[in-house]
C-alpha cells in the first residue's frame, strides 16, 4: 500500500454492543452518515438519526437498515438552531430507544467569507448551528442521561479550532468554541457518570464537500496531509466510535485530532 492509498474498511468488533445511539446531521454522504453506519456495524441495539433534509433522512434510515441489518433505526427531522426541534428530537429518541447511551453532535455549518465582507447574519448563522446547536443538543441530552448515571457525548470539532485559515474566521471560532465547551461541560457531566469528548478532523472527502469546494482547494488541502490525501469519512467515524465506546472510559473533556497534519 502506498502513502496515498485508502486502507481497507475496518470490520466491526462489537464496540457499541447493547448501546443506543443518537446522531445529528446523519443524512447524505458525510461524517454523520459514516458514524451512524459504524455504530450499527459495531453492534448498537438502536440507532436514531436526524437531519434537516427529509428525503435524504428517509433514504439514510432505509439504507442503514438494509445494509447493516439493524432494523431498530429511526429518523426525525431536526434543525439544531431551533430549541423546539432539539427538545422534540431528544424526547423522541429517549422514548423510542428506552434511553440514550450515546449522542454524536455532528451538525455544523461552514461557509467561506473574508471578515471584512462578512455580515452579522452569516457570522451568527454559522455559530448558531455549529456551536450553539452543540450546546442545545448537549443540554437536552444531559437532562436525560444524568438521571440514569451514564452516557457519552461525542462532539465534532475541527482542526481549525487550533489553526488559522483565511475566510474561515466564523467557522474556526465556532469550532474552537466547541472544544472549550467540551472541556467545561465534561467537568460538570463527570459528576453524573457522563463523558464528553470531541474529535477534530482536518479534511474528510465526501460528495457534499466536493460540491461545495473547488477541486483546486481540495487538492491543496490534501497535499498538506502527511498521507497526501484527505480522510475517508469512516476513518473519522472510527475515532468517534472509540470515544463512544468503553475503551475510552477514562477520557473526558478531550479533543482528538483526526488528522495527519500537526495540530
C-alpha atoms as a PDB file:
ATOM      1  CA  UNK A   1       0.000   0.000   0.000  1.00  0.00           C
ATOM      2  CA  UNK A   2       1.382   3.406  -0.948  1.00  0.00           C
ATOM      3  CA  UNK A   3       1.141   6.546   1.152  1.00  0.00           C
ATOM      4  CA  UNK A   4      -1.948   7.827  -0.695  1.00  0.00           C
ATOM      5  CA  UNK A   5      -3.848   4.539  -0.760  1.00  0.00           C
ATOM      6  CA  UNK A   6      -7.007   4.328   1.306  1.00  0.00           C
ATOM      7  CA  UNK A   7      -6.752   1.449   3.804  1.00  0.00           C
ATOM      8  CA  UNK A   8      -9.258  -1.367   3.822  1.00  0.00           C
ATOM      9  CA  UNK A   9     -12.538  -0.688   5.585  1.00  0.00           C
ATOM     10  CA  UNK A  10     -12.329  -1.903   9.184  1.00  0.00           C
ATOM     11  CA  UNK A  11     -14.825  -4.577  10.191  1.00  0.00           C
ATOM     12  CA  UNK A  12     -16.959  -4.099  13.288  1.00  0.00           C
ATOM     13  CA  UNK A  13     -15.765  -5.501  16.602  1.00  0.00           C
ATOM     14  CA  UNK A  14     -18.865  -5.031  18.751  1.00  0.00           C
ATOM     15  CA  UNK A  15     -17.536  -1.893  20.458  1.00  0.00           C
ATOM     16  CA  UNK A  16     -21.043  -0.486  20.962  1.00  0.00           C
ATOM     17  CA  UNK A  17     -22.880  -3.735  21.611  1.00  0.00           C
ATOM     18  CA  UNK A  18     -26.080  -3.103  23.548  1.00  0.00           C
ATOM     19  CA  UNK A  19     -25.900   0.697  23.374  1.00  0.00           C
ATOM     20  CA  UNK A  20     -28.401   3.164  21.920  1.00  0.00           C
ATOM     21  CA  UNK A  21     -27.045   5.975  19.754  1.00  0.00           C
ATOM     22  CA  UNK A  22     -28.369   9.347  18.536  1.00  0.00           C
ATOM     23  CA  UNK A  23     -26.543  11.102  15.669  1.00  0.00           C
ATOM     24  CA  UNK A  24     -27.340  14.584  14.321  1.00  0.00           C
ATOM     25  CA  UNK A  25     -26.857  15.610  10.678  1.00  0.00           C
ATOM     26  CA  UNK A  26     -26.628  11.975   9.616  1.00  0.00           C
ATOM     27  CA  UNK A  27     -28.147  12.101   6.123  1.00  0.00           C
ATOM     28  CA  UNK A  28     -26.059  12.249   2.958  1.00  0.00           C
ATOM     29  CA  UNK A  29     -22.522  11.023   2.451  1.00  0.00           C
ATOM     30  CA  UNK A  30     -20.561  12.836   5.120  1.00  0.00           C
ATOM     31  CA  UNK A  31     -19.173  12.076   8.561  1.00  0.00           C
ATOM     32  CA  UNK A  32     -22.633  11.925  10.147  1.00  0.00           C
ATOM     33  CA  UNK A  33     -23.851   9.060   7.981  1.00  0.00           C
ATOM     34  CA  UNK A  34     -20.472   7.338   8.264  1.00  0.00           C
ATOM     35  CA  UNK A  35     -20.582   7.367  12.074  1.00  0.00           C
ATOM     36  CA  UNK A  36     -24.204   6.207  12.102  1.00  0.00           C
ATOM     37  CA  UNK A  37     -23.259   3.284   9.903  1.00  0.00           C
ATOM     38  CA  UNK A  38     -20.225   2.450  12.023  1.00  0.00           C
ATOM     39  CA  UNK A  39     -22.349   2.476  15.180  1.00  0.00           C
ATOM     40  CA  UNK A  40     -24.718  -0.050  13.611  1.00  0.00           C
ATOM     41  CA  UNK A  41     -21.778  -2.178  12.475  1.00  0.00           C
ATOM     42  CA  UNK A  42     -20.312  -2.005  15.970  1.00  0.00           C
ATOM     43  CA  UNK A  43     -23.409  -3.627  17.427  1.00  0.00           C
ATOM     44  CA  UNK A  44     -25.552  -0.818  18.827  1.00  0.00           C
ATOM     45  CA  UNK A  45     -29.013  -2.077  19.789  1.00  0.00           C
ATOM     46  CA  UNK A  46     -30.829   1.009  18.455  1.00  0.00           C
ATOM     47  CA  UNK A  47     -29.917   3.985  16.284  1.00  0.00           C
ATOM     48  CA  UNK A  48     -31.716   7.325  15.950  1.00  0.00           C
ATOM     49  CA  UNK A  49     -30.602   9.777  13.257  1.00  0.00           C
ATOM     50  CA  UNK A  50     -31.664  13.322  12.450  1.00  0.00           C
ATOM     51  CA  UNK A  51     -31.167  15.839   9.674  1.00  0.00           C
ATOM     52  CA  UNK A  52     -32.824  18.914   8.140  1.00  0.00           C
ATOM     53  CA  UNK A  53     -33.375  17.235   4.737  1.00  0.00           C
ATOM     54  CA  UNK A  54     -36.419  14.978   4.837  1.00  0.00           C
ATOM     55  CA  UNK A  55     -35.785  12.977   1.662  1.00  0.00           C
ATOM     56  CA  UNK A  56     -32.131  12.357   2.444  1.00  0.00           C
ATOM     57  CA  UNK A  57     -33.007  11.474   6.028  1.00  0.00           C
ATOM     58  CA  UNK A  58     -35.547   8.866   4.935  1.00  0.00           C
ATOM     59  CA  UNK A  59     -33.042   7.446   2.467  1.00  0.00           C
ATOM     60  CA  UNK A  60     -30.399   7.269   5.208  1.00  0.00           C
ATOM     61  CA  UNK A  61     -32.708   5.345   7.532  1.00  0.00           C
ATOM     62  CA  UNK A  62     -33.624   2.843   4.821  1.00  0.00           C
ATOM     63  CA  UNK A  63     -30.003   2.419   3.731  1.00  0.00           C
ATOM     64  CA  UNK A  64     -28.822   1.835   7.283  1.00  0.00           C
ATOM     65  CA  UNK A  65     -31.493  -0.796   7.861  1.00  0.00           C
ATOM     66  CA  UNK A  66     -30.832  -2.541   4.568  1.00  0.00           C
ATOM     67  CA  UNK A  67     -27.044  -2.516   4.551  1.00  0.00           C
ATOM     68  CA  UNK A  68     -26.283  -3.102   8.239  1.00  0.00           C
ATOM     69  CA  UNK A  69     -29.169  -5.420   9.115  1.00  0.00           C
ATOM     70  CA  UNK A  70     -30.117  -3.290  12.133  1.00  0.00           C
ATOM     71  CA  UNK A  71     -33.877  -2.801  11.982  1.00  0.00           C
ATOM     72  CA  UNK A  72     -34.182  -0.543  15.029  1.00  0.00           C
ATOM     73  CA  UNK A  73     -33.084   2.541  13.058  1.00  0.00           C
ATOM     74  CA  UNK A  74     -35.260   5.633  13.454  1.00  0.00           C
ATOM     75  CA  UNK A  75     -35.184   9.122  11.996  1.00  0.00           C
ATOM     76  CA  UNK A  76     -36.593  12.562  12.756  1.00  0.00           C
ATOM     77  CA  UNK A  77     -36.188  15.991  11.202  1.00  0.00           C
ATOM     78  CA  UNK A  78     -34.290  18.428  13.413  1.00  0.00           C
ATOM     79  CA  UNK A  79     -32.807  21.885  12.951  1.00  0.00           C
ATOM     80  CA  UNK A  80     -30.384  22.271  15.848  1.00  0.00           C
ATOM     81  CA  UNK A  81     -30.793  26.058  15.691  1.00  0.00           C
ATOM     82  CA  UNK A  82     -34.376  25.572  16.904  1.00  0.00           C
ATOM     83  CA  UNK A  83     -34.814  24.678  20.571  1.00  0.00           C
ATOM     84  CA  UNK A  84     -38.224  23.133  19.919  1.00  0.00           C
ATOM     85  CA  UNK A  85     -36.739  20.758  17.349  1.00  0.00           C
ATOM     86  CA  UNK A  86     -33.943  19.780  19.715  1.00  0.00           C
ATOM     87  CA  UNK A  87     -36.314  19.051  22.587  1.00  0.00           C
ATOM     88  CA  UNK A  88     -38.598  17.001  20.342  1.00  0.00           C
ATOM     89  CA  UNK A  89     -35.669  15.002  18.926  1.00  0.00           C
ATOM     90  CA  UNK A  90     -34.120  14.111  22.266  1.00  0.00           C
ATOM     91  CA  UNK A  91     -37.510  13.274  23.760  1.00  0.00           C
ATOM     92  CA  UNK A  92     -38.413  11.012  20.825  1.00  0.00           C
ATOM     93  CA  UNK A  93     -35.020   9.282  20.820  1.00  0.00           C
ATOM     94  CA  UNK A  94     -35.086   8.770  24.584  1.00  0.00           C
ATOM     95  CA  UNK A  95     -38.561   7.254  24.431  1.00  0.00           C
ATOM     96  CA  UNK A  96     -38.081   5.178  21.263  1.00  0.00           C
ATOM     97  CA  UNK A  97     -34.775   3.677  22.354  1.00  0.00           C
ATOM     98  CA  UNK A  98     -35.541   3.400  26.070  1.00  0.00           C
ATOM     99  CA  UNK A  99     -32.766   5.825  26.920  1.00  0.00           C
ATOM    100  CA  UNK A 100     -29.868   7.440  25.055  1.00  0.00           C
ATOM    101  CA  UNK A 101     -26.464   5.921  25.760  1.00  0.00           C
ATOM    102  CA  UNK A 102     -24.515   7.877  23.131  1.00  0.00           C
ATOM    103  CA  UNK A 103     -25.048  11.257  21.457  1.00  0.00           C
ATOM    104  CA  UNK A 104     -22.910  12.278  18.485  1.00  0.00           C
ATOM    105  CA  UNK A 105     -23.142  16.025  17.842  1.00  0.00           C
ATOM    106  CA  UNK A 106     -22.253  16.181  14.176  1.00  0.00           C
ATOM    107  CA  UNK A 107     -24.387  19.101  12.973  1.00  0.00           C
ATOM    108  CA  UNK A 108     -22.411  22.095  11.768  1.00  0.00           C
ATOM    109  CA  UNK A 109     -22.331  24.744   9.062  1.00  0.00           C
ATOM    110  CA  UNK A 110     -19.402  26.269   7.222  1.00  0.00           C
ATOM    111  CA  UNK A 111     -19.112  28.965   4.580  1.00  0.00           C
ATOM    112  CA  UNK A 112     -16.176  30.895   3.138  1.00  0.00           C
ATOM    113  CA  UNK A 113     -16.040  34.650   3.619  1.00  0.00           C
ATOM    114  CA  UNK A 114     -13.446  37.278   4.484  1.00  0.00           C
ATOM    115  CA  UNK A 115     -14.020  39.081   7.778  1.00  0.00           C
ATOM    116  CA  UNK A 116     -14.317  42.467   6.090  1.00  0.00           C
ATOM    117  CA  UNK A 117     -17.116  41.161   3.862  1.00  0.00           C
ATOM    118  CA  UNK A 118     -18.955  39.059   6.463  1.00  0.00           C
ATOM    119  CA  UNK A 119     -22.416  40.099   7.577  1.00  0.00           C
ATOM    120  CA  UNK A 120     -23.698  39.707  11.116  1.00  0.00           C
ATOM    121  CA  UNK A 121     -26.254  37.224   9.796  1.00  0.00           C
ATOM    122  CA  UNK A 122     -23.604  34.955   8.230  1.00  0.00           C
ATOM    123  CA  UNK A 123     -21.470  35.057  11.376  1.00  0.00           C
ATOM    124  CA  UNK A 124     -24.448  34.304  13.613  1.00  0.00           C
ATOM    125  CA  UNK A 125     -25.799  31.515  11.394  1.00  0.00           C
ATOM    126  CA  UNK A 126     -22.527  29.570  11.458  1.00  0.00           C
ATOM    127  CA  UNK A 127     -22.124  29.963  15.226  1.00  0.00           C
ATOM    128  CA  UNK A 128     -25.788  29.222  15.943  1.00  0.00           C
ATOM    129  CA  UNK A 129     -25.719  25.847  14.191  1.00  0.00           C
ATOM    130  CA  UNK A 130     -22.135  24.780  14.845  1.00  0.00           C
ATOM    131  CA  UNK A 131     -21.563  25.971  18.416  1.00  0.00           C
ATOM    132  CA  UNK A 132     -24.933  26.823  19.945  1.00  0.00           C
ATOM    133  CA  UNK A 133     -26.520  23.792  18.282  1.00  0.00           C
ATOM    134  CA  UNK A 134     -23.948  21.592  20.016  1.00  0.00           C
ATOM    135  CA  UNK A 135     -24.793  23.317  23.295  1.00  0.00           C
ATOM    136  CA  UNK A 136     -28.552  22.847  22.801  1.00  0.00           C
ATOM    137  CA  UNK A 137     -28.215  19.148  21.983  1.00  0.00           C
ATOM    138  CA  UNK A 138     -25.804  18.542  24.858  1.00  0.00           C
ATOM    139  CA  UNK A 139     -28.039  20.335  27.361  1.00  0.00           C
ATOM    140  CA  UNK A 140     -31.077  18.315  26.283  1.00  0.00           C
ATOM    141  CA  UNK A 141     -29.165  15.028  26.294  1.00  0.00           C
ATOM    142  CA  UNK A 142     -27.632  15.634  29.730  1.00  0.00           C
ATOM    143  CA  UNK A 143     -31.091  16.129  31.179  1.00  0.00           C
ATOM    144  CA  UNK A 144     -31.976  12.536  30.255  1.00  0.00           C
ATOM    145  CA  UNK A 145     -28.510  10.983  30.682  1.00  0.00           C
ATOM    146  CA  UNK A 146     -27.643  12.340  34.129  1.00  0.00           C
ATOM    147  CA  UNK A 147     -30.602  10.773  35.965  1.00  0.00           C
ATOM    148  CA  UNK A 148     -29.523   7.396  34.508  1.00  0.00           C
ATOM    149  CA  UNK A 149     -25.969   7.889  35.788  1.00  0.00           C
ATOM    150  CA  UNK A 150     -24.323   7.115  32.464  1.00  0.00           C
ATOM    151  CA  UNK A 151     -23.895   8.290  28.892  1.00  0.00           C
ATOM    152  CA  UNK A 152     -21.369   9.501  26.351  1.00  0.00           C
ATOM    153  CA  UNK A 153     -21.395  12.601  24.141  1.00  0.00           C
ATOM    154  CA  UNK A 154     -19.024  12.965  21.187  1.00  0.00           C
ATOM    155  CA  UNK A 155     -18.741  16.383  19.526  1.00  0.00           C
ATOM    156  CA  UNK A 156     -17.445  17.065  16.032  1.00  0.00           C
ATOM    157  CA  UNK A 157     -14.955  19.932  16.201  1.00  0.00           C
ATOM    158  CA  UNK A 158     -12.244  20.762  13.641  1.00  0.00           C
ATOM    159  CA  UNK A 159      -8.515  21.353  13.466  1.00  0.00           C
ATOM    160  CA  UNK A 160      -9.498  24.932  12.572  1.00  0.00           C
ATOM    161  CA  UNK A 161     -10.233  25.320  16.254  1.00  0.00           C
ATOM    162  CA  UNK A 162      -6.440  25.363  16.576  1.00  0.00           C
ATOM    163  CA  UNK A 163      -5.219  26.565  13.179  1.00  0.00           C
ATOM    164  CA  UNK A 164      -5.651  29.658  11.050  1.00  0.00           C
ATOM    165  CA  UNK A 165      -7.222  29.651   7.589  1.00  0.00           C
ATOM    166  CA  UNK A 166      -8.321  32.646   5.553  1.00  0.00           C
ATOM    167  CA  UNK A 167     -12.082  33.100   5.054  1.00  0.00           C
ATOM    168  CA  UNK A 168     -12.856  30.727   7.940  1.00  0.00           C
ATOM    169  CA  UNK A 169     -12.916  33.094  10.955  1.00  0.00           C
ATOM    170  CA  UNK A 170     -16.551  32.318  11.815  1.00  0.00           C
ATOM    171  CA  UNK A 171     -16.213  28.541  11.402  1.00  0.00           C
ATOM    172  CA  UNK A 172     -12.887  28.430  13.263  1.00  0.00           C
ATOM    173  CA  UNK A 173     -14.335  30.500  16.110  1.00  0.00           C
ATOM    174  CA  UNK A 174     -17.319  28.149  16.330  1.00  0.00           C
ATOM    175  CA  UNK A 175     -15.165  25.014  16.360  1.00  0.00           C
ATOM    176  CA  UNK A 176     -12.775  26.472  18.939  1.00  0.00           C
ATOM    177  CA  UNK A 177     -15.897  27.157  20.968  1.00  0.00           C
ATOM    178  CA  UNK A 178     -16.962  23.519  20.621  1.00  0.00           C
ATOM    179  CA  UNK A 179     -13.587  22.456  22.026  1.00  0.00           C
ATOM    180  CA  UNK A 180     -13.839  24.828  25.008  1.00  0.00           C
ATOM    181  CA  UNK A 181     -17.459  23.856  25.600  1.00  0.00           C
ATOM    182  CA  UNK A 182     -16.475  20.180  25.535  1.00  0.00           C
ATOM    183  CA  UNK A 183     -13.861  20.720  28.249  1.00  0.00           C
ATOM    184  CA  UNK A 184     -16.154  22.685  30.561  1.00  0.00           C
ATOM    185  CA  UNK A 185     -19.295  20.594  30.075  1.00  0.00           C
ATOM    186  CA  UNK A 186     -17.265  17.428  30.662  1.00  0.00           C
ATOM    187  CA  UNK A 187     -16.333  18.537  34.190  1.00  0.00           C
ATOM    188  CA  UNK A 188     -19.977  19.069  35.093  1.00  0.00           C
ATOM    189  CA  UNK A 189     -21.153  15.847  33.448  1.00  0.00           C
ATOM    190  CA  UNK A 190     -18.475  13.729  35.141  1.00  0.00           C
ATOM    191  CA  UNK A 191     -20.285  14.136  38.458  1.00  0.00           C
ATOM    192  CA  UNK A 192     -23.147  12.141  36.926  1.00  0.00           C
ATOM    193  CA  UNK A 193     -21.149   9.424  35.164  1.00  0.00           C
ATOM    194  CA  UNK A 194     -21.399  11.052  31.708  1.00  0.00           C
ATOM    195  CA  UNK A 195     -18.341  11.553  29.489  1.00  0.00           C
ATOM    196  CA  UNK A 196     -17.968  14.271  26.832  1.00  0.00           C
ATOM    197  CA  UNK A 197     -15.148  14.318  24.251  1.00  0.00           C
ATOM    198  CA  UNK A 198     -14.586  15.675  20.748  1.00  0.00           C
ATOM    199  CA  UNK A 199     -12.816  14.872  17.505  1.00  0.00           C
ATOM    200  CA  UNK A 200     -11.082  17.471  15.343  1.00  0.00           C
ATOM    201  CA  UNK A 201     -10.854  16.326  11.709  1.00  0.00           C
ATOM    202  CA  UNK A 202      -8.766  18.202   9.165  1.00  0.00           C
ATOM    203  CA  UNK A 203     -10.290  17.222   5.826  1.00  0.00           C
ATOM    204  CA  UNK A 204     -12.627  14.325   5.090  1.00  0.00           C
ATOM    205  CA  UNK A 205     -13.514  13.888   1.431  1.00  0.00           C
ATOM    206  CA  UNK A 206     -17.167  13.185   0.604  1.00  0.00           C
ATOM    207  CA  UNK A 207     -19.698  14.046  -2.087  1.00  0.00           C
ATOM    208  CA  UNK A 208     -21.136  17.150  -0.400  1.00  0.00           C
ATOM    209  CA  UNK A 209     -17.681  18.649   0.158  1.00  0.00           C
ATOM    210  CA  UNK A 210     -16.821  18.088  -3.498  1.00  0.00           C
ATOM    211  CA  UNK A 211     -19.900  20.126  -4.463  1.00  0.00           C
ATOM    212  CA  UNK A 212     -19.179  22.976  -2.056  1.00  0.00           C
ATOM    213  CA  UNK A 213     -15.408  23.350  -2.570  1.00  0.00           C
ATOM    214  CA  UNK A 214     -13.293  23.631  -5.694  1.00  0.00           C
ATOM    215  CA  UNK A 215     -11.082  20.782  -6.870  1.00  0.00           C
ATOM    216  CA  UNK A 216      -8.099  23.104  -6.555  1.00  0.00           C
ATOM    217  CA  UNK A 217      -8.808  23.869  -2.891  1.00  0.00           C
ATOM    218  CA  UNK A 218      -9.395  20.218  -2.005  1.00  0.00           C
ATOM    219  CA  UNK A 219      -6.202  19.193  -3.791  1.00  0.00           C
ATOM    220  CA  UNK A 220      -4.258  21.892  -1.958  1.00  0.00           C
ATOM    221  CA  UNK A 221      -5.612  20.807   1.428  1.00  0.00           C
ATOM    222  CA  UNK A 222      -4.937  17.134   0.687  1.00  0.00           C
ATOM    223  CA  UNK A 223      -1.328  17.887  -0.241  1.00  0.00           C
ATOM    224  CA  UNK A 224      -0.732  19.302   3.240  1.00  0.00           C
ATOM    225  CA  UNK A 225      -1.637  15.969   4.826  1.00  0.00           C
ATOM    226  CA  UNK A 226       1.156  13.560   5.687  1.00  0.00           C
ATOM    227  CA  UNK A 227      -0.544  10.769   3.723  1.00  0.00           C
ATOM    228  CA  UNK A 228      -1.095  13.040   0.715  1.00  0.00           C
ATOM    229  CA  UNK A 229      -4.881  12.568   0.848  1.00  0.00           C
ATOM    230  CA  UNK A 230      -7.908  13.612   2.821  1.00  0.00           C
ATOM    231  CA  UNK A 231      -9.503  11.215   5.289  1.00  0.00           C
ATOM    232  CA  UNK A 232     -12.369   8.956   4.339  1.00  0.00           C
ATOM    233  CA  UNK A 233     -15.466   9.854   6.427  1.00  0.00           C
ATOM    234  CA  UNK A 234     -15.366   6.389   8.010  1.00  0.00           C
ATOM    235  CA  UNK A 235     -11.824   6.999   9.242  1.00  0.00           C
ATOM    236  CA  UNK A 236     -13.105   9.945  11.275  1.00  0.00           C
ATOM    237  CA  UNK A 237     -16.120   7.886  12.344  1.00  0.00           C
ATOM    238  CA  UNK A 238     -13.818   5.178  13.711  1.00  0.00           C
ATOM    239  CA  UNK A 239     -12.343   7.628  16.219  1.00  0.00           C
ATOM    240  CA  UNK A 240     -15.827   8.805  17.197  1.00  0.00           C
ATOM    241  CA  UNK A 241     -16.821   5.190  17.833  1.00  0.00           C
ATOM    242  CA  UNK A 242     -13.737   4.733  20.009  1.00  0.00           C
ATOM    243  CA  UNK A 243     -14.736   7.764  22.089  1.00  0.00           C
ATOM    244  CA  UNK A 244     -18.296   6.459  22.336  1.00  0.00           C
ATOM    245  CA  UNK A 245     -17.115   3.033  23.473  1.00  0.00           C
ATOM    246  CA  UNK A 246     -15.976   1.737  26.837  1.00  0.00           C
ATOM    247  CA  UNK A 247     -12.408   1.643  25.502  1.00  0.00           C
ATOM    248  CA  UNK A 248     -12.208   5.370  26.273  1.00  0.00           C
ATOM    249  CA  UNK A 249     -13.736   5.050  29.753  1.00  0.00           C
ATOM    250  CA  UNK A 250     -11.103   7.270  31.407  1.00  0.00           C
ATOM    251  CA  UNK A 251     -11.246  10.041  28.804  1.00  0.00           C
ATOM    252  CA  UNK A 252     -13.397  13.139  29.184  1.00  0.00           C
ATOM    253  CA  UNK A 253     -13.019  16.767  28.136  1.00  0.00           C
ATOM    254  CA  UNK A 254     -10.522  15.771  25.438  1.00  0.00           C
ATOM    255  CA  UNK A 255     -10.296  16.693  21.768  1.00  0.00           C
ATOM    256  CA  UNK A 256      -8.564  14.179  19.494  1.00  0.00           C
ATOM    257  CA  UNK A 257      -7.088  15.449  16.234  1.00  0.00           C
ATOM    258  CA  UNK A 258      -8.134  13.141  13.410  1.00  0.00           C
ATOM    259  CA  UNK A 259      -5.570  14.485  11.023  1.00  0.00           C
ATOM    260  CA  UNK A 260      -2.244  13.573   9.510  1.00  0.00           C
ATOM    261  CA  UNK A 261      -1.027  17.145   9.981  1.00  0.00           C
ATOM    262  CA  UNK A 262       0.411  18.599  13.124  1.00  0.00           C
ATOM    263  CA  UNK A 263      -2.181  20.381  15.285  1.00  0.00           C
END
